[in-house]
Structures are given as C-alpha cells and as structure tokens.
Amino acid sequence: MAKRSLFLIFILLAVIFIAGIYHIFSIRFRIGDIYPHYSSLRSDPMGAKILYEALKGLPGYSVKRDHSTTLTWEGGKNTTLFLLGLKTGLDHSVLSNPGKQNYKTISTLLSSGSRLVISLHPVAYKLGPISIRNAPQKDDKQKQPEKGKKEKGEKDKSPEKEADYSFLKRWGFNIHAMGISKDAIADLALNKGDPDLPASIKFPAHYYFTDLDSKWTVLYALKNKPVIISRQYGGGTIILCADSYIFSNEAMMYDRYPGLLSWFVGQANHIYFDESHFGMQHNSAIIDLAYKYRLQGVFIAFLLIAVLYIWKNGVHFVPPQEDSDKSGRSVKSEKDQLDALVSLLQRYIAPENLLKTCITEWANTTIKAKRLSVNNIPSIKELEVLAAMNDKPSQIYNSICKKLIERKQL
C-alpha cells in the first residue's frame, strides 16, 4: 500500500508540474515576446500583431503569414508582401547579399506586379555610411586565392558577379546611419501627395536612404533625409521604410496613421506578412502530418498505454501475503537446487515412505535408460525388504549397494 501511495503521489506531482510548464509557455506564446521584434506573432509594443489582426478583420481581405523558405503562392497586382523589421549591417543584410534564391523569389514577385513593403530594424550603428554595397564579407579573404596558386581550369570568380544579386545595386540606393531622438518627426516630401497621407509622422529612425536612383520617389524625409521612398520595378512597386515603428503595436496605440497604412497596402486584397526572414521557417514534420490527418487521438492512445504499462509494472494489484509460511519452511533466495529438492521431499513424502519411493523411481529410471537388463535388476521386493531391515539410513544404503554389486557380477 505504501508503494502504491507513493506512485500515485508521484503521478499527481508530475501532472501538476506539466500543467505549470504548459501554463507558463502559454502565457509567453500569448504575449509573443519570444518572437523577434516586429513579428506579426508578437503582441507586446515591439510586435506587429495589431496591424495583422486589423487587416485580417477587414471584409474582402485575405491576410496570411508566410513561413516558407521559397515562394509558395502566386503574386499579382492584388498582392502585397510585408517584410518588417529587416536587419541590416556590415556582416549580414538581406538587401546587400540576399543570395541567388531570395533574389529570384523577390524578382518573380515584383515581375508579377506585386507590392513589396520593406522596413528596417532600428538597430543603432556608428554614425556615417553603412557601406553595405562595397563592404567585404567575413570570408572574402579566405575566398580570394593567392597569386600564383590558381589551379588549372579553375574558373575566375569575380566579386562583380557575386554582387549582381545585391538589391542595393539593382534597385539603386544605399543606407546611412544617423543619430535621431525618439520624438523625431518626418515631414511629407511630396508637393502634391495623397490627401489621406498625414503631413508629418513620428519617425524615430536610425537610418536614411542615400545615393538614390532617379526612379525613386521620396515620400517622407527627416531633416531633408529620405526615410520612406518608393519606385516602380519590374511591373511591381517597392516601398522602403527606414524604420519599423509605424507598423508596431505601440504606434497602433499612440501614433496611428490609417491613411499612411492604407497607402502601404495599396489596392491589394491579398496581404502576406513574411516571417521566414526572422528565422521562423515552416518545415514539414511528423506533428504536422498528425494535425493534417487528425491523428491526435492515436498519440493520446499511445500515451495512455504507456501510462498503464508503467502503472502495471510499478503497482501490484494482488497484495503480497504477510505470513507466507508460519512453519518456518519458506524457501530462501540463498538456497540452491539441492536445498529446494530436500524441501520438496520433506513436504510431500512421508519419512516412512521415502526409501520405498526412491527404490521405485530408481528401478523405473534404470529400465528406461537400459543401463541394466531386466534379469540383472534385483527384485523391488528384495530391495524393500533390505530397506525394512534397519532404520539407519547408512546401513540401508550399504545393504542396497552390496546387493546391486552381487547382481552385476553374475
């Protein structure tokens, strides 16, 4: 009973512990602070969940999150893709070095007439140009072969060909860092802009755009430095925003600009929030297949079987006997096979019948094994007479052996 009580207490504590862990994680996931800044899954001031939920609640709009590593949906003029909180710097930037696959994906999106909105992450760097366009990567020194050590037939990998995938070069712009206070105000730069656009917005940017191509249009400027720009490219529209504050949950509460947000969305009714650039990519796994084919009940059944198996091996349904043998003849684990045989003989064969039983079994075994012929085997009655002549086991044993030896010599 004590073991069973301990086992039940252990199960109860395990259930309470698992429930507590689940509750803590549910709070974290509900708040969303485990997600990167400006993710549409994050509901604290540094997230963009309010914008996502507001657009999703509008009738006639299809709003989704994109976790795929490649473009899995068709673009078009009725499609807008938000890439919020895009980090940029000397070592890593999707804009300066997107890679061949990302470059083709975004180029295909723009060529279909879609609208692409990119906002930068407000990470402070040193004042001055970021120099992303010409900044060498960490592995450039390792990639450049030493003079005179090029192998025969090796293709010349020029840095110009590798830089062809840079959006900075293809789209014609660059990024510079600046020091701006949190209460900075950006003014509308267009002389005849959309009447729904506010004349000024709160814009605590750490960056501004420079070296702009002539096709770029400056929408807002902060101290005459472009912070929101747009252009037509490949049939689509590119909008660059130097800061992500205006999309954040904090801005939705205190500095909301509906006209500007509507301008970002454009005429599209299919809106996607990209989450893959945060590192949150969707990969098919066994859990996804379980949800797809509704196999949750199978997993619950397996879990229940595992619990019952542990319970079966941990708890004895039949309680052990407290007084298994009051006579003191209980079998102990220290005894060997001979002790077990003696114990069985003492329990089931009476002392006066012991020799008679042994003689009978010996005769049957000898005949079956054909070790002696029937003629050479002494009569069982003769052996029983010898056994009854004396009560001393040693003398009886000697008499029987002598009788057998006499038979063998015949």
Protein backbone atom coordinates (compact mmCIF):
# COMPACT_ATOMS: atom_id res chain seq x y z
CA MET A 1 0.00 0.00 0.00
CA ALA A 2 2.86 2.36 0.74
CA LYS A 3 4.39 1.87 -2.72
CA ARG A 4 1.03 2.44 -4.38
CA SER A 5 0.50 5.68 -2.45
CA LEU A 6 3.97 6.94 -3.38
CA PHE A 7 3.33 6.11 -7.03
CA LEU A 8 0.02 7.99 -7.05
CA ILE A 9 1.66 11.00 -5.36
CA PHE A 10 4.41 10.93 -8.00
CA ILE A 11 1.82 10.88 -10.82
CA LEU A 12 -0.07 13.77 -9.22
CA LEU A 13 3.10 15.88 -8.85
CA ALA A 14 4.09 15.11 -12.46
CA VAL A 15 0.68 16.24 -13.73
CA ILE A 16 0.89 19.47 -11.68
CA PHE A 17 4.42 20.13 -12.98
CA ILE A 18 3.43 19.58 -16.63
CA ALA A 19 0.36 21.78 -16.19
CA GLY A 20 2.51 24.55 -14.70
CA ILE A 21 5.03 24.40 -17.54
CA TYR A 22 2.20 24.47 -20.09
CA HIS A 23 0.65 27.49 -18.37
CA ILE A 24 3.94 29.40 -18.34
CA PHE A 25 4.62 28.70 -22.02
CA SER A 26 1.03 29.56 -22.97
CA ILE A 27 1.49 32.97 -21.33
CA ARG A 28 4.76 33.51 -23.19
CA PHE A 29 3.25 32.49 -26.52
CA ARG A 30 0.15 34.61 -25.91
CA ILE A 31 2.25 37.70 -25.20
CA GLY A 32 4.61 36.80 -28.04
CA ASP A 33 7.80 38.24 -26.53
CA ILE A 34 9.65 35.08 -27.53
CA TYR A 35 9.33 36.12 -31.18
CA PRO A 36 11.65 38.62 -32.91
CA HIS A 37 10.89 42.34 -32.96
CA TYR A 38 8.16 43.46 -35.38
CA SER A 39 6.92 39.93 -35.96
CA SER A 40 3.17 39.65 -36.63
CA LEU A 41 3.06 36.97 -33.90
CA ARG A 42 4.23 39.35 -31.19
CA SER A 43 1.58 41.24 -29.19
CA ASP A 44 3.78 43.45 -27.00
CA PRO A 45 4.79 47.01 -28.05
CA MET A 46 7.68 45.69 -30.19
CA GLY A 47 5.44 43.45 -32.30
CA ALA A 48 3.12 43.99 -35.29
CA LYS A 49 0.23 41.71 -34.33
CA ILE A 50 -2.33 44.53 -34.06
CA LEU A 51 -1.74 45.54 -37.68
CA TYR A 52 -2.02 41.92 -38.79
CA GLU A 53 -5.24 41.29 -36.87
CA ALA A 54 -6.76 44.63 -38.00
CA LEU A 55 -6.17 43.86 -41.67
CA LYS A 56 -7.39 40.30 -41.20
CA GLY A 57 -10.63 41.59 -39.72
CA LEU A 58 -11.45 43.72 -42.78
CA PRO A 59 -14.07 42.17 -45.10
CA GLY A 60 -12.81 41.11 -48.51
CA TYR A 61 -9.14 40.83 -47.43
CA SER A 62 -7.06 37.68 -47.25
CA VAL A 63 -4.24 38.13 -44.71
CA LYS A 64 -1.74 35.32 -44.05
CA ARG A 65 1.68 34.73 -42.54
CA ASP A 66 4.36 33.30 -44.80
CA HIS A 67 6.80 30.86 -43.12
CA SER A 68 8.00 29.15 -46.31
CA THR A 69 11.62 29.26 -47.43
CA THR A 70 10.56 29.74 -51.07
CA LEU A 71 7.68 31.50 -52.78
CA THR A 72 4.74 29.11 -52.45
CA TRP A 73 1.94 31.48 -53.55
CA GLU A 74 1.27 33.35 -56.74
CA GLY A 75 1.79 37.09 -56.73
CA GLY A 76 -0.05 39.68 -58.77
CA LYS A 77 -1.27 43.23 -58.71
CA ASN A 78 -3.66 42.37 -55.91
CA THR A 79 -0.85 41.09 -53.62
CA THR A 80 1.20 42.99 -51.00
CA LEU A 81 4.10 41.46 -49.06
CA PHE A 82 5.35 43.00 -45.80
CA LEU A 83 8.95 42.38 -44.70
CA LEU A 84 9.02 44.18 -41.35
CA GLY A 85 11.99 44.56 -39.01
CA LEU A 86 14.61 43.64 -41.62
CA LYS A 87 18.04 43.80 -40.00
CA THR A 88 20.94 45.35 -41.86
CA GLY A 89 24.58 45.85 -41.03
CA LEU A 90 28.14 45.16 -42.04
CA ASP A 91 28.07 41.40 -41.56
CA HIS A 92 24.60 40.40 -42.72
CA SER A 93 21.91 42.00 -44.82
CA VAL A 94 19.18 40.59 -47.00
CA LEU A 95 19.42 43.75 -49.08
CA SER A 96 23.17 43.68 -49.72
CA ASN A 97 23.63 39.92 -50.06
CA PRO A 98 20.26 38.16 -50.43
CA GLY A 99 21.57 35.08 -52.19
CA LYS A 100 20.51 33.72 -55.54
CA GLN A 101 17.32 32.02 -54.32
CA ASN A 102 15.99 35.05 -52.40
CA TYR A 103 16.85 37.32 -55.29
CA LYS A 104 14.89 35.18 -57.75
CA THR A 105 11.95 34.91 -55.35
CA ILE A 106 11.58 38.66 -54.85
CA SER A 107 12.27 39.41 -58.53
CA THR A 108 9.50 36.96 -59.52
CA LEU A 109 7.19 38.63 -57.03
CA LEU A 110 7.84 42.10 -58.43
CA SER A 111 7.64 41.00 -62.05
CA SER A 112 4.10 39.74 -61.39
CA GLY A 113 3.05 43.26 -60.35
CA SER A 114 3.00 42.74 -56.58
CA ARG A 115 3.69 45.38 -53.96
CA LEU A 116 6.71 44.88 -51.65
CA VAL A 117 6.98 46.82 -48.38
CA ILE A 118 10.32 46.58 -46.51
CA SER A 119 11.02 48.27 -43.18
CA LEU A 120 14.38 48.22 -41.40
CA HIS A 121 15.06 47.19 -37.83
CA PRO A 122 16.02 50.21 -35.67
CA VAL A 123 19.41 48.92 -34.55
CA ALA A 124 21.82 51.77 -33.81
CA TYR A 125 25.18 51.73 -35.55
CA LYS A 126 28.01 54.20 -35.62
CA LEU A 127 27.27 57.43 -37.42
CA GLY A 128 28.22 57.52 -41.06
CA PRO A 129 27.67 55.31 -44.08
CA ILE A 130 26.89 51.64 -43.57
CA SER A 131 28.80 50.94 -46.81
CA ILE A 132 26.81 47.78 -47.38
CA ARG A 133 27.26 47.96 -51.11
CA ASN A 134 31.02 47.62 -51.06
CA ALA A 135 31.57 46.07 -47.63
CA PRO A 136 33.70 42.90 -47.78
CA GLN A 137 32.25 39.81 -46.16
CA LYS A 138 33.99 37.87 -43.41
CA ASP A 139 35.02 35.05 -45.68
CA ASP A 140 36.28 37.23 -48.54
CA LYS A 141 39.91 36.77 -47.54
CA GLN A 142 39.50 33.03 -47.48
CA LYS A 143 37.71 33.01 -50.83
CA GLN A 144 40.37 35.10 -52.62
CA PRO A 145 43.12 32.77 -53.83
CA GLU A 146 46.69 33.87 -53.52
CA LYS A 147 48.51 34.98 -56.62
CA GLY A 148 50.27 32.19 -58.47
CA LYS A 149 48.26 29.45 -56.69
CA LYS A 150 45.28 29.19 -59.04
CA GLU A 151 44.77 25.67 -60.28
CA LYS A 152 44.46 24.93 -63.96
CA GLY A 153 40.89 25.03 -65.24
CA GLU A 154 39.65 26.94 -62.19
CA LYS A 155 37.01 29.49 -63.09
CA ASP A 156 37.64 33.10 -62.15
CA LYS A 157 35.06 34.06 -59.51
CA SER A 158 34.99 37.84 -59.77
CA PRO A 159 33.35 39.85 -56.96
CA GLU A 160 31.31 41.71 -59.59
CA LYS A 161 29.37 38.55 -60.46
CA GLU A 162 28.68 37.78 -56.81
CA ALA A 163 27.45 41.36 -56.21
CA ASP A 164 24.94 41.12 -59.07
CA TYR A 165 22.36 39.71 -56.63
CA SER A 166 22.58 42.77 -54.37
CA PHE A 167 19.30 44.67 -54.17
CA LEU A 168 21.25 47.79 -53.26
CA LYS A 169 22.94 47.73 -56.64
CA ARG A 170 19.95 46.54 -58.68
CA TRP A 171 17.43 48.91 -57.14
CA GLY A 172 19.84 51.85 -56.90
CA PHE A 173 20.07 53.06 -53.29
CA ASN A 174 22.26 52.92 -50.21
CA ILE A 175 21.76 53.15 -46.46
CA HIS A 176 23.39 55.53 -43.99
CA ALA A 177 23.11 55.67 -40.23
CA MET A 178 22.29 58.79 -38.22
CA GLY A 179 21.55 59.76 -34.64
CA ILE A 180 17.92 60.74 -34.14
CA SER A 181 15.90 61.19 -30.97
CA LYS A 182 12.85 59.10 -30.17
CA ASP A 183 10.49 62.04 -30.79
CA ALA A 184 11.78 62.81 -34.29
CA ILE A 185 9.15 63.99 -36.80
CA ALA A 186 9.30 63.23 -40.51
CA ASP A 187 7.54 65.55 -42.98
CA LEU A 188 5.73 64.70 -46.17
CA ALA A 189 8.13 65.40 -49.03
CA LEU A 190 5.64 65.25 -51.94
CA ASN A 191 4.31 68.61 -53.07
CA LYS A 192 1.05 67.08 -54.26
CA GLY A 193 0.67 63.91 -52.28
CA ASP A 194 -2.33 61.83 -51.39
CA PRO A 195 -4.74 63.89 -49.27
CA ASP A 196 -5.14 60.92 -46.91
CA LEU A 197 -1.43 60.99 -46.08
CA PRO A 198 -0.56 62.91 -42.89
CA ALA A 199 1.62 65.97 -43.29
CA SER A 200 4.04 64.71 -40.63
CA ILE A 201 4.56 61.47 -38.71
CA LYS A 202 6.53 60.39 -35.69
CA PHE A 203 9.54 58.57 -37.08
CA PRO A 204 12.43 57.70 -34.68
CA ALA A 205 14.69 56.39 -37.44
CA HIS A 206 18.34 55.41 -37.09
CA TYR A 207 18.81 55.23 -40.87
CA TYR A 208 18.12 57.21 -44.00
CA PHE A 209 18.47 56.42 -47.69
CA THR A 210 21.09 57.94 -49.95
CA ASP A 211 22.58 57.54 -53.44
CA LEU A 212 19.05 57.17 -54.79
CA ASP A 213 18.38 56.32 -58.41
CA SER A 214 16.33 58.84 -60.37
CA LYS A 215 13.35 56.46 -60.40
CA TRP A 216 12.91 56.67 -56.65
CA THR A 217 10.22 58.92 -55.17
CA VAL A 218 10.75 60.31 -51.68
CA LEU A 219 7.54 60.14 -49.66
CA TYR A 220 8.77 61.30 -46.24
CA ALA A 221 12.00 62.98 -45.18
CA LEU A 222 13.52 63.56 -41.77
CA LYS A 223 15.59 66.77 -41.74
CA ASN A 224 15.77 66.58 -45.54
CA LYS A 225 16.98 62.98 -45.37
CA PRO A 226 14.75 60.41 -47.15
CA VAL A 227 13.26 57.85 -44.77
CA ILE A 228 10.30 56.48 -46.81
CA ILE A 229 10.81 56.01 -50.55
CA SER A 230 9.05 54.11 -53.35
CA ARG A 231 9.56 53.19 -57.01
CA GLN A 232 8.20 51.02 -59.79
CA TYR A 233 10.29 47.96 -60.60
CA GLY A 234 9.54 45.09 -62.99
CA GLY A 235 5.83 45.87 -63.08
CA GLY A 236 5.56 45.93 -59.29
CA THR A 237 6.11 48.52 -56.55
CA ILE A 238 8.91 48.70 -53.99
CA ILE A 239 8.44 50.69 -50.79
CA LEU A 240 11.35 51.12 -48.38
CA CYS A 241 10.89 52.40 -44.87
CA ALA A 242 13.94 53.28 -42.76
CA ASP A 243 12.19 52.35 -39.50
CA SER A 244 9.51 49.87 -38.42
CA TYR A 245 7.95 51.94 -35.63
CA ILE A 246 4.87 53.00 -37.63
CA PHE A 247 3.92 49.29 -38.02
CA SER A 248 4.43 48.38 -34.36
CA ASN A 249 1.76 47.71 -31.75
CA GLU A 250 2.96 50.76 -29.82
CA ALA A 251 2.32 53.01 -32.82
CA MET A 252 -1.12 51.44 -33.29
CA MET A 253 -1.98 52.62 -29.76
CA TYR A 254 -0.40 56.07 -29.63
CA ASP A 255 0.73 57.19 -33.12
CA ARG A 256 -1.61 55.54 -35.59
CA TYR A 257 -1.76 56.77 -39.19
CA PRO A 258 -4.59 54.94 -41.02
CA GLY A 259 -4.14 56.83 -44.28
CA LEU A 260 -0.43 56.01 -44.45
CA LEU A 261 -1.02 52.35 -43.58
CA SER A 262 -3.71 52.15 -46.27
CA TRP A 263 -1.23 53.62 -48.75
CA PHE A 264 1.30 50.91 -47.84
CA VAL A 265 -1.27 48.19 -48.55
CA GLY A 266 -2.35 49.77 -51.84
CA GLN A 267 -5.10 48.21 -53.94
CA ALA A 268 -4.22 44.65 -52.90
CA ASN A 269 -6.65 42.36 -51.12
CA HIS A 270 -4.15 39.50 -50.63
CA ILE A 271 -1.69 40.52 -47.92
CA TYR A 272 1.24 38.44 -46.66
CA PHE A 273 3.47 39.04 -43.63
CA ASP A 274 6.81 37.35 -44.16
CA GLU A 275 8.12 35.56 -41.06
CA SER A 276 10.85 33.48 -42.71
CA HIS A 277 13.43 36.30 -42.62
CA PHE A 278 13.16 36.14 -38.80
CA GLY A 279 14.34 32.53 -38.98
CA MET A 280 10.85 31.14 -38.30
CA GLN A 281 10.54 28.75 -41.23
CA HIS A 282 7.93 26.07 -41.61
CA ASN A 283 9.28 22.54 -42.19
CA SER A 284 7.07 19.50 -42.54
CA ALA A 285 7.40 17.13 -39.59
CA ILE A 286 5.52 14.25 -38.02
CA ILE A 287 3.47 16.68 -35.88
CA ASP A 288 2.28 18.49 -39.00
CA LEU A 289 1.23 15.21 -40.58
CA ALA A 290 -0.60 14.27 -37.39
CA TYR A 291 -2.59 17.51 -37.48
CA LYS A 292 -3.20 17.15 -41.20
CA TYR A 293 -4.63 13.63 -40.93
CA ARG A 294 -6.20 14.19 -37.47
CA LEU A 295 -4.14 11.60 -35.65
CA GLN A 296 -4.19 13.35 -32.26
CA GLY A 297 -6.32 10.53 -30.83
CA VAL A 298 -3.69 7.95 -31.82
CA PHE A 299 -0.99 9.81 -29.90
CA ILE A 300 -3.27 10.14 -26.87
CA ALA A 301 -3.98 6.39 -27.01
CA PHE A 302 -0.25 5.58 -27.16
CA LEU A 303 0.36 7.90 -24.20
CA LEU A 304 -2.41 6.21 -22.22
CA ILE A 305 -0.96 2.76 -22.99
CA ALA A 306 2.47 3.92 -21.83
CA VAL A 307 1.00 5.23 -18.55
CA LEU A 308 -0.87 1.96 -17.97
CA TYR A 309 2.29 -0.04 -18.69
CA ILE A 310 4.25 1.98 -16.14
CA TRP A 311 1.42 1.61 -13.65
CA LYS A 312 1.25 -2.16 -14.21
CA ASN A 313 4.97 -2.58 -13.55
CA GLY A 314 5.01 -0.19 -10.62
CA VAL A 315 1.93 -1.33 -8.67
CA HIS A 316 0.99 -4.91 -7.69
CA PHE A 317 -2.76 -5.46 -7.95
CA VAL A 318 -2.57 -8.62 -5.73
CA PRO A 319 -1.06 -7.65 -2.35
CA PRO A 320 1.71 -9.95 -1.09
CA GLN A 321 0.98 -12.33 1.81
CA GLU A 322 2.24 -11.04 5.11
CA ASP A 323 2.72 -14.53 6.67
CA SER A 324 3.67 -16.70 3.72
CA ASP A 325 4.80 -19.69 5.82
CA LYS A 326 4.37 -19.91 9.56
CA SER A 327 6.12 -23.31 9.80
CA GLY A 328 9.48 -21.78 9.02
CA ARG A 329 9.93 -23.78 5.83
CA SER A 330 9.78 -20.84 3.44
CA VAL A 331 12.19 -21.02 0.54
CA LYS A 332 15.02 -18.51 0.82
CA SER A 333 16.85 -16.96 -2.08
CA GLU A 334 20.21 -18.13 -0.66
CA LYS A 335 19.32 -21.84 -1.10
CA ASP A 336 20.41 -23.81 -4.16
CA GLN A 337 18.68 -26.56 -6.19
CA LEU A 338 19.62 -29.30 -3.72
CA ASP A 339 18.02 -27.42 -0.84
CA ALA A 340 14.90 -26.97 -2.96
CA LEU A 341 14.76 -30.73 -3.67
CA VAL A 342 15.14 -31.55 0.03
CA SER A 343 12.38 -29.08 0.86
CA LEU A 344 10.05 -30.68 -1.68
CA LEU A 345 10.77 -34.19 -0.32
CA GLN A 346 10.12 -33.04 3.22
CA ARG A 347 6.80 -31.51 2.25
CA TYR A 348 5.26 -34.17 0.01
CA ILE A 349 6.87 -37.54 1.01
CA ALA A 350 6.38 -39.06 4.43
CA PRO A 351 9.59 -40.28 6.17
CA GLU A 352 8.42 -43.92 6.27
CA ASN A 353 7.76 -43.90 2.50
CA LEU A 354 10.98 -42.18 1.46
CA LEU A 355 13.09 -45.31 0.75
CA LYS A 356 10.24 -47.10 -0.96
CA THR A 357 9.68 -44.13 -3.26
CA CYS A 358 13.38 -43.84 -4.06
CA ILE A 359 13.64 -47.58 -4.90
CA THR A 360 10.61 -47.40 -7.21
CA GLU A 361 11.88 -44.34 -9.07
CA TRP A 362 15.38 -45.85 -9.36
CA ALA A 363 14.03 -49.06 -10.88
CA ASN A 364 11.88 -47.17 -13.45
CA THR A 365 14.73 -44.90 -14.48
CA THR A 366 17.23 -47.80 -14.85
CA ILE A 367 14.93 -49.85 -17.06
CA LYS A 368 14.07 -46.87 -19.32
CA ALA A 369 17.72 -45.91 -19.71
CA LYS A 370 18.60 -49.62 -20.48
CA ARG A 371 21.69 -49.40 -18.32
CA LEU A 372 20.89 -52.85 -16.85
CA SER A 373 18.90 -55.71 -18.26
CA VAL A 374 15.70 -56.76 -16.56
CA ASN A 375 17.32 -60.03 -15.47
CA ASN A 376 20.18 -58.22 -13.70
CA ILE A 377 17.91 -55.84 -11.82
CA PRO A 378 17.13 -57.15 -8.32
CA SER A 379 13.50 -57.51 -7.37
CA ILE A 380 11.91 -54.43 -5.93
CA LYS A 381 10.52 -56.55 -3.13
CA GLU A 382 14.05 -57.71 -2.19
CA LEU A 383 15.21 -54.09 -2.00
CA GLU A 384 12.20 -53.11 0.04
CA VAL A 385 12.96 -55.98 2.43
CA LEU A 386 16.50 -54.67 2.81
CA ALA A 387 15.15 -51.19 3.47
CA ALA A 388 12.83 -52.53 6.22
CA MET A 389 15.59 -54.49 7.98
CA ASN A 390 17.22 -51.47 9.62
CA ASP A 391 16.19 -47.93 10.45
CA LYS A 392 19.65 -46.49 9.99
CA PRO A 393 19.96 -44.85 6.53
CA SER A 394 23.70 -45.59 6.23
CA GLN A 395 23.28 -49.31 6.85
CA ILE A 396 20.32 -49.49 4.47
CA TYR A 397 22.34 -47.73 1.77
CA ASN A 398 25.29 -50.12 2.23
CA SER A 399 22.98 -53.16 2.06
CA ILE A 400 21.38 -52.00 -1.17
CA CYS A 401 24.77 -51.25 -2.77
CA LYS A 402 26.06 -54.70 -1.79
CA LYS A 403 23.00 -56.32 -3.30
CA LEU A 404 23.47 -54.45 -6.56
CA ILE A 405 27.16 -55.33 -6.78
CA GLU A 406 26.29 -59.02 -6.37
CA ARG A 407 23.87 -58.76 -9.29
CA LYS A 408 26.43 -57.09 -11.56
CA GLN A 409 28.95 -59.89 -11.01
CA LEU A 410 26.52 -62.54 -12.23
